[in-house]
C-alpha atoms as a PDB file:
ATOM      1  CA  ALA A   1      52.910 156.646  71.087  1.00  0.00           C
ATOM      2  CA  TYR A   2      55.483 153.990  71.933  1.00  0.00           C
ATOM      3  CA  TYR A   3      59.191 154.046  71.163  1.00  0.00           C
ATOM      4  CA  ASN A   4      61.608 151.293  72.052  1.00  0.00           C
ATOM      5  CA  SER A   5      65.350 151.012  71.491  1.00  0.00           C
ATOM      6  CA  GLN A   6      67.698 148.264  72.625  1.00  0.00           C
ATOM      7  CA  PHE A   7      70.924 149.304  74.351  1.00  0.00           C
ATOM      8  CA  ILE A   8      73.024 146.830  76.343  1.00  0.00           C
ATOM      9  CA  ASP A   9      76.466 147.291  77.894  1.00  0.00           C
ATOM     10  CA  THR A  10      76.699 150.943  76.904  1.00  0.00           C
ATOM     11  CA  ARG A  11      79.774 152.807  78.112  1.00  0.00           C
ATOM     12  CA  GLY A  12      78.713 155.429  80.607  1.00  0.00           C
ATOM     13  CA  ASP A  13      81.000 158.235  79.456  1.00  0.00           C
ATOM     14  CA  LEU A  14      79.347 158.300  76.031  1.00  0.00           C
ATOM     15  CA  GLY A  15      75.702 158.275  77.010  1.00  0.00           C
ATOM     16  CA  ILE A  16      72.724 157.300  74.866  1.00  0.00           C
ATOM     17  CA  LEU A  17      71.076 159.499  72.244  1.00  0.00           C
ATOM     18  CA  VAL A  18      67.522 158.613  71.205  1.00  0.00           C
ATOM     19  CA  ASP A  19      65.983 160.160  68.066  1.00  0.00           C
ATOM     20  CA  LEU A  20      62.158 160.033  68.072  1.00  0.00           C
ATOM     21  CA  GLY A  21      62.036 161.064  64.414  1.00  0.00           C
ATOM     22  CA  ARG A  22      60.120 164.303  65.006  1.00  0.00           C
ATOM     23  CA  ILE A  23      59.139 166.531  67.925  1.00  0.00           C
ATOM     24  CA  HIS A  24      56.892 164.956  70.547  1.00  0.00           C
ATOM     25  CA  ARG A  25      55.437 165.979  73.853  1.00  0.00           C
ATOM     26  CA  ILE A  26      57.065 163.424  76.106  1.00  0.00           C
ATOM     27  CA  ASP A  27      54.870 162.318  78.990  1.00  0.00           C
ATOM     28  CA  ALA A  28      56.796 159.333  80.324  1.00  0.00           C
ATOM     29  CA  MET A  29      60.052 157.439  79.992  1.00  0.00           C
ATOM     30  CA  GLN A  30      60.726 153.888  81.088  1.00  0.00           C
ATOM     31  CA  LEU A  31      64.190 152.446  81.595  1.00  0.00           C
ATOM     32  CA  TYR A  32      65.013 148.812  82.188  1.00  0.00           C
ATOM     33  CA  GLY A  33      68.389 148.070  83.725  1.00  0.00           C
ATOM     34  CA  TYR A  34      70.291 144.914  82.790  1.00  0.00           C
ATOM     35  CA  ASN A  35      71.996 143.010  85.619  1.00  0.00           C
ATOM     36  CA  ILE A  36      74.006 139.789  85.631  1.00  0.00           C
ATOM     37  CA  ILE A  37      75.781 137.244  87.802  1.00  0.00           C
ATOM     38  CA  ASP A  38      79.177 136.448  86.295  1.00  0.00           C
ATOM     39  CA  ALA A  39      80.791 133.032  85.970  1.00  0.00           C
ATOM     40  CA  GLY A  40      82.355 133.461  89.413  1.00  0.00           C
ATOM     41  CA  GLY A  41      78.994 134.073  91.042  1.00  0.00           C
ATOM     42  CA  THR A  42      79.471 137.838  91.566  1.00  0.00           C
ATOM     43  CA  PHE A  43      76.397 139.999  91.010  1.00  0.00           C
ATOM     44  CA  SER A  44      76.877 143.088  88.832  1.00  0.00           C
ATOM     45  CA  ALA A  45      74.247 145.807  89.145  1.00  0.00           C
ATOM     46  CA  ARG A  46      74.694 147.363  85.720  1.00  0.00           C
ATOM     47  CA  THR A  47      71.504 149.397  86.172  1.00  0.00           C
ATOM     48  CA  PRO A  48      72.285 153.143  85.927  1.00  0.00           C
ATOM     49  CA  GLY A  49      72.761 154.658  89.344  1.00  0.00           C
ATOM     50  CA  ASN A  50      73.040 158.281  88.222  1.00  0.00           C
ATOM     51  CA  PHE A  51      72.583 160.145  84.957  1.00  0.00           C
ATOM     52  CA  THR A  52      71.395 163.428  83.472  1.00  0.00           C
ATOM     53  CA  ILE A  53      68.704 163.995  80.842  1.00  0.00           C
ATOM     54  CA  TRP A  54      69.259 166.451  77.994  1.00  0.00           C
ATOM     55  CA  THR A  55      66.742 167.297  75.258  1.00  0.00           C
ATOM     56  CA  ALA A  56      66.714 169.068  71.899  1.00  0.00           C
ATOM     57  CA  THR A  57      64.109 169.857  69.253  1.00  0.00           C
ATOM     58  CA  SER A  58      66.527 170.164  66.315  1.00  0.00           C
ATOM     59  CA  ASP A  59      69.603 168.555  64.786  1.00  0.00           C
ATOM     60  CA  ALA A  60      71.586 171.744  65.287  1.00  0.00           C
ATOM     61  CA  ALA A  61      70.862 171.927  69.008  1.00  0.00           C
ATOM     62  CA  ILE A  62      71.918 168.353  69.700  1.00  0.00           C
ATOM     63  CA  THR A  63      75.083 168.477  67.570  1.00  0.00           C
ATOM     64  CA  THR A  64      76.418 171.835  68.755  1.00  0.00           C
ATOM     65  CA  SER A  65      75.614 171.860  72.477  1.00  0.00           C
ATOM     66  CA  GLY A  66      74.277 168.420  73.300  1.00  0.00           C
ATOM     67  CA  GLY A  67      70.868 169.966  73.917  1.00  0.00           C
ATOM     68  CA  ALA A  68      69.458 171.599  77.032  1.00  0.00           C
ATOM     69  CA  LEU A  69      69.829 170.094  80.484  1.00  0.00           C
ATOM     70  CA  LEU A  70      66.380 168.950  81.640  1.00  0.00           C
ATOM     71  CA  VAL A  71      67.073 166.872  84.745  1.00  0.00           C
ATOM     72  CA  ASP A  72      70.316 166.636  86.684  1.00  0.00           C
ATOM     73  CA  ASP A  73      71.522 163.665  88.705  1.00  0.00           C
ATOM     74  CA  ILE A  74      68.697 161.165  88.777  1.00  0.00           C
ATOM     75  CA  GLY A  75      68.980 157.409  88.804  1.00  0.00           C
ATOM     76  CA  MET A  76      67.409 154.028  89.280  1.00  0.00           C
ATOM     77  CA  PHE A  77      66.999 152.146  92.514  1.00  0.00           C
ATOM     78  CA  ALA A  78      69.700 149.721  93.578  1.00  0.00           C
ATOM     79  CA  GLN A  79      68.720 146.105  93.093  1.00  0.00           C
ATOM     80  CA  HIS A  80      70.526 143.004  94.216  1.00  0.00           C
ATOM     81  CA  GLY A  81      70.639 139.521  92.806  1.00  0.00           C
ATOM     82  CA  MET A  82      68.620 137.833  95.511  1.00  0.00           C
ATOM     83  CA  GLU A  83      65.732 140.238  94.878  1.00  0.00           C
ATOM     84  CA  PHE A  84      65.456 138.729  91.412  1.00  0.00           C
ATOM     85  CA  GLY A  85      65.913 135.156  92.587  1.00  0.00           C
ATOM     86  CA  MET A  86      69.245 135.225  90.776  1.00  0.00           C
ATOM     87  CA  ASN A  87      71.479 132.484  92.117  1.00  0.00           C
ATOM     88  CA  ASP A  88      73.127 130.854  89.123  1.00  0.00           C
ATOM     89  CA  PRO A  89      76.285 132.084  87.353  1.00  0.00           C
ATOM     90  CA  GLY A  90      75.372 133.556  83.994  1.00  0.00           C
ATOM     91  CA  ALA A  91      71.874 134.509  85.121  1.00  0.00           C
ATOM     92  CA  SER A  92      70.520 137.924  84.137  1.00  0.00           C
ATOM     93  CA  ALA A  93      67.508 140.044  85.010  1.00  0.00           C
ATOM     94  CA  THR A  94      66.083 143.483  84.297  1.00  0.00           C
ATOM     95  CA  THR A  95      64.651 146.080  86.646  1.00  0.00           C
ATOM     96  CA  GLY A  96      62.442 148.932  85.458  1.00  0.00           C
ATOM     97  CA  GLU A  97      61.784 152.501  86.482  1.00  0.00           C
ATOM     98  CA  THR A  98      59.153 154.970  85.222  1.00  0.00           C
ATOM     99  CA  TYR A  99      59.754 158.724  84.983  1.00  0.00           C
ATOM    100  CA  LEU A 100      56.927 161.224  84.369  1.00  0.00           C
ATOM    101  CA  PHE A 101      57.346 164.647  82.749  1.00  0.00           C
ATOM    102  CA  GLY A 102      55.201 167.764  82.914  1.00  0.00           C
ATOM    103  CA  ASN A 103      52.922 166.370  85.629  1.00  0.00           C
ATOM    104  CA  ALA A 104      51.482 164.022  83.020  1.00  0.00           C
ATOM    105  CA  ALA A 105      49.328 161.132  84.119  1.00  0.00           C
ATOM    106  CA  GLN A 106      50.907 157.712  83.949  1.00  0.00           C
ATOM    107  CA  PRO A 107      50.169 156.249  80.486  1.00  0.00           C
ATOM    108  CA  PRO A 108      47.680 153.358  80.618  1.00  0.00           C
ATOM    109  CA  GLU A 109      50.238 151.061  78.994  1.00  0.00           C
ATOM    110  CA  VAL A 110      52.595 151.594  81.933  1.00  0.00           C
ATOM    111  CA  THR A 111      52.175 149.802  85.242  1.00  0.00           C
ATOM    112  CA  ASP A 112      54.368 151.195  87.985  1.00  0.00           C
ATOM    113  CA  GLU A 113      53.213 151.553  91.578  1.00  0.00           C
ATOM    114  CA  GLU A 114      55.579 154.446  92.294  1.00  0.00           C
ATOM    115  CA  PRO A 115      56.553 156.394  89.158  1.00  0.00           C
ATOM    116  CA  ASP A 116      59.003 159.270  89.649  1.00  0.00           C
ATOM    117  CA  VAL A 117      57.858 162.770  88.640  1.00  0.00           C
ATOM    118  CA  VAL A 118      61.178 164.216  87.523  1.00  0.00           C
ATOM    119  CA  THR A 119      60.027 167.633  86.293  1.00  0.00           C
ATOM    120  CA  ALA A 120      56.850 169.728  86.264  1.00  0.00           C
ATOM    121  CA  GLU A 121      57.991 171.255  82.980  1.00  0.00           C
ATOM    122  CA  THR A 122      56.133 170.153  79.848  1.00  0.00           C
ATOM    123  CA  VAL A 123      58.743 168.548  77.616  1.00  0.00           C
ATOM    124  CA  PHE A 124      58.791 168.852  73.837  1.00  0.00           C
ATOM    125  CA  ALA A 125      61.742 167.188  72.145  1.00  0.00           C
ATOM    126  CA  ARG A 126      62.904 165.134  69.203  1.00  0.00           C
ATOM    127  CA  TYR A 127      66.169 164.073  70.796  1.00  0.00           C
ATOM    128  CA  ILE A 128      66.684 162.723  74.306  1.00  0.00           C
ATOM    129  CA  PHE A 129      70.258 162.325  75.506  1.00  0.00           C
ATOM    130  CA  LEU A 130      70.868 160.192  78.603  1.00  0.00           C
ATOM    131  CA  ARG A 131      74.273 161.411  79.661  1.00  0.00           C
ATOM    132  CA  ASP A 132      76.830 160.765  82.407  1.00  0.00           C
ATOM    133  CA  LEU A 133      75.554 157.220  82.927  1.00  0.00           C
ATOM    134  CA  GLU A 134      77.100 155.407  85.852  1.00  0.00           C
ATOM    135  CA  PRO A 135      76.350 151.887  87.087  1.00  0.00           C
ATOM    136  CA  ILE A 136      75.001 151.409  90.599  1.00  0.00           C
ATOM    137  CA  GLU A 137      77.902 149.147  91.442  1.00  0.00           C
ATOM    138  CA  THR A 138      80.576 147.131  89.666  1.00  0.00           C
ATOM    139  CA  ASN A 139      82.887 144.216  90.256  1.00  0.00           C
ATOM    140  CA  PRO A 140      86.545 144.230  89.140  1.00  0.00           C
ATOM    141  CA  ALA A 141      85.802 142.263  85.970  1.00  0.00           C
ATOM    142  CA  ASP A 142      82.833 144.417  84.997  1.00  0.00           C
ATOM    143  CA  GLU A 143      83.972 147.955  85.739  1.00  0.00           C
ATOM    144  CA  ASN A 144      82.200 150.951  84.203  1.00  0.00           C
ATOM    145  CA  ILE A 145      79.684 148.936  82.179  1.00  0.00           C
ATOM    146  CA  VAL A 146      76.126 150.268  82.202  1.00  0.00           C
ATOM    147  CA  GLY A 147      73.378 147.875  81.179  1.00  0.00           C
ATOM    148  CA  LEU A 148      70.100 149.104  79.695  1.00  0.00           C
ATOM    149  CA  ALA A 149      67.830 146.422  78.310  1.00  0.00           C
ATOM    150  CA  GLU A 150      65.203 148.856  76.993  1.00  0.00           C
ATOM    151  CA  VAL A 151      64.472 152.573  76.714  1.00  0.00           C
ATOM    152  CA  GLN A 152      60.815 153.477  76.100  1.00  0.00           C
ATOM    153  CA  PHE A 153      59.037 156.805  75.630  1.00  0.00           C
ATOM    154  CA  TYR A 154      55.332 157.651  75.746  1.00  0.00           C
ATOM    155  CA  GLY A 155      53.739 160.828  74.440  1.00  0.00           C
ATOM    156  CA  PHE A 156      52.178 162.589  71.468  1.00  0.00           C
ATOM    157  CA  SER A 157      53.645 163.776  68.172  1.00  0.00           C
ATOM    158  CA  LEU A 158      53.233 167.256  66.757  1.00  0.00           C
ATOM    159  CA  GLY A 159      50.493 166.937  64.146  1.00  0.00           C
ATOM    160  CA  ASP A 160      48.360 164.731  66.389  1.00  0.00           C
ATOM    161  CA  ILE A 161      45.797 167.498  66.854  1.00  0.00           C
ATOM    162  CA  ASN A 162      43.090 165.303  68.384  1.00  0.00           C
ATOM    163  CA  LEU A 163      45.591 163.487  70.627  1.00  0.00           C
ATOM    164  CA  ASP A 164      44.447 159.990  69.707  1.00  0.00           C
ATOM    165  CA  GLY A 165      47.996 158.654  69.523  1.00  0.00           C
ATOM    166  CA  SER A 166      48.598 158.910  65.763  1.00  0.00           C
ATOM    167  CA  VAL A 167      48.739 161.482  62.977  1.00  0.00           C
ATOM    168  CA  ASN A 168      46.045 160.503  60.467  1.00  0.00           C
ATOM    169  CA  LEU A 169      43.127 161.821  58.427  1.00  0.00           C
ATOM    170  CA  LEU A 170      41.181 162.540  61.613  1.00  0.00           C
ATOM    171  CA  ASP A 171      43.657 165.360  62.275  1.00  0.00           C
ATOM    172  CA  VAL A 172      43.118 167.113  58.932  1.00  0.00           C
ATOM    173  CA  SER A 173      39.899 168.939  59.816  1.00  0.00           C
ATOM    174  CA  PRO A 174      41.173 170.148  63.234  1.00  0.00           C
ATOM    175  CA  PHE A 175      44.371 171.322  61.546  1.00  0.00           C
ATOM    176  CA  ILE A 176      42.438 173.328  58.938  1.00  0.00           C
ATOM    177  CA  GLU A 177      40.356 174.878  61.724  1.00  0.00           C
ATOM    178  CA  LEU A 178      43.531 175.994  63.472  1.00  0.00           C
ATOM    179  CA  LEU A 179      44.809 177.569  60.260  1.00  0.00           C
ATOM    180  CA  SER A 180      41.587 179.467  59.598  1.00  0.00           C
ATOM    181  CA  GLY A 181      40.710 180.356  63.172  1.00  0.00           C
ATOM    182  CA  GLY A 182      44.020 181.730  64.339  1.00  0.00           C
ATOM    183  CA  GLU A 183      43.941 179.740  67.568  1.00  0.00           C
ATOM    184  CA  TYR A 184      47.275 178.447  68.791  1.00  0.00           C
ATOM    185  CA  ASN A 185      47.686 174.755  69.463  1.00  0.00           C
ATOM    186  CA  VAL A 186      51.209 173.459  69.920  1.00  0.00           C
ATOM    187  CA  PHE A 187      50.356 170.193  68.168  1.00  0.00           C
ATOM    188  CA  GLY A 188      49.459 172.151  65.035  1.00  0.00           C
ATOM    189  CA  ASP A 189      52.714 174.122  65.198  1.00  0.00           C
ATOM    190  CA  ILE A 190      54.571 171.494  63.184  1.00  0.00           C
ATOM    191  CA  ASN A 191      57.685 173.578  62.564  1.00  0.00           C
ATOM    192  CA  PHE A 192      57.667 174.648  66.239  1.00  0.00           C
ATOM    193  CA  ASP A 193      58.080 178.356  65.506  1.00  0.00           C
ATOM    194  CA  GLY A 194      55.407 179.610  67.904  1.00  0.00           C
ATOM    195  CA  SER A 195      52.449 179.957  65.535  1.00  0.00           C
ATOM    196  CA  VAL A 196      50.148 177.813  63.412  1.00  0.00           C
ATOM    197  CA  ASN A 197      50.218 179.133  59.844  1.00  0.00           C
ATOM    198  CA  LEU A 198      50.858 178.195  56.217  1.00  0.00           C
ATOM    199  CA  LEU A 199      54.456 177.314  57.033  1.00  0.00           C
ATOM    200  CA  ASP A 200      53.100 174.318  58.942  1.00  0.00           C
ATOM    201  CA  VAL A 201      51.100 172.910  56.017  1.00  0.00           C
ATOM    202  CA  GLN A 202      53.884 171.060  54.210  1.00  0.00           C
ATOM    203  CA  PRO A 203      55.429 169.636  57.399  1.00  0.00           C
ATOM    204  CA  PHE A 204      51.949 168.413  58.393  1.00  0.00           C
ATOM    205  CA  ILE A 205      51.488 166.755  54.994  1.00  0.00           C
ATOM    206  CA  ASP A 206      54.923 165.143  55.300  1.00  0.00           C
ATOM    207  CA  ILE A 207      53.986 163.594  58.663  1.00  0.00           C
ATOM    208  CA  LEU A 208      50.552 162.564  57.402  1.00  0.00           C
ATOM    209  CA  THR A 209      51.932 160.797  54.335  1.00  0.00           C
ATOM    210  CA  GLY A 210      55.243 159.639  55.811  1.00  0.00           C
END
């Protein structure tokens, strides 16, 4: 699954909250920093230098506590204008970084020679909060601005029993088998209560028909 949100010039003390719509197993995250050369020719590395990642599976968790801390104090590599061939005032460029979760393999859609494995923990979340964002460096006219051109997530939704990347009619038979067989499969546990049972039927139908 692919999720993409546009965030540019986001103030670091607020952070960025991404809602995936429902709980997913998150295998990878890609961030693209946004960097510029101002009218005076000064390069501003707006790419995040440090931040924390928080996650939550429910509205209540994200609104009351901000979620659970997943990764503390990670960041993107410093980049400088000349590395992009940036020489002209007003020029801009992005730099990307890939982060893997739960020892997942790098998604085939992602090409990154050196992805960062940020946690061995398998991550299930609906909300991802990138918090405490700080730019790598600033100039006096551009202080405290963090630039993110894109935020992308790769993974699988609850309800995607056969893990083909979408919740569709091909998941109905495997879901029924889970209900009748008593076997636990987290992707059939739509309400995320620790078991696959009749309480998951309506949430599964909602995803299937949504």
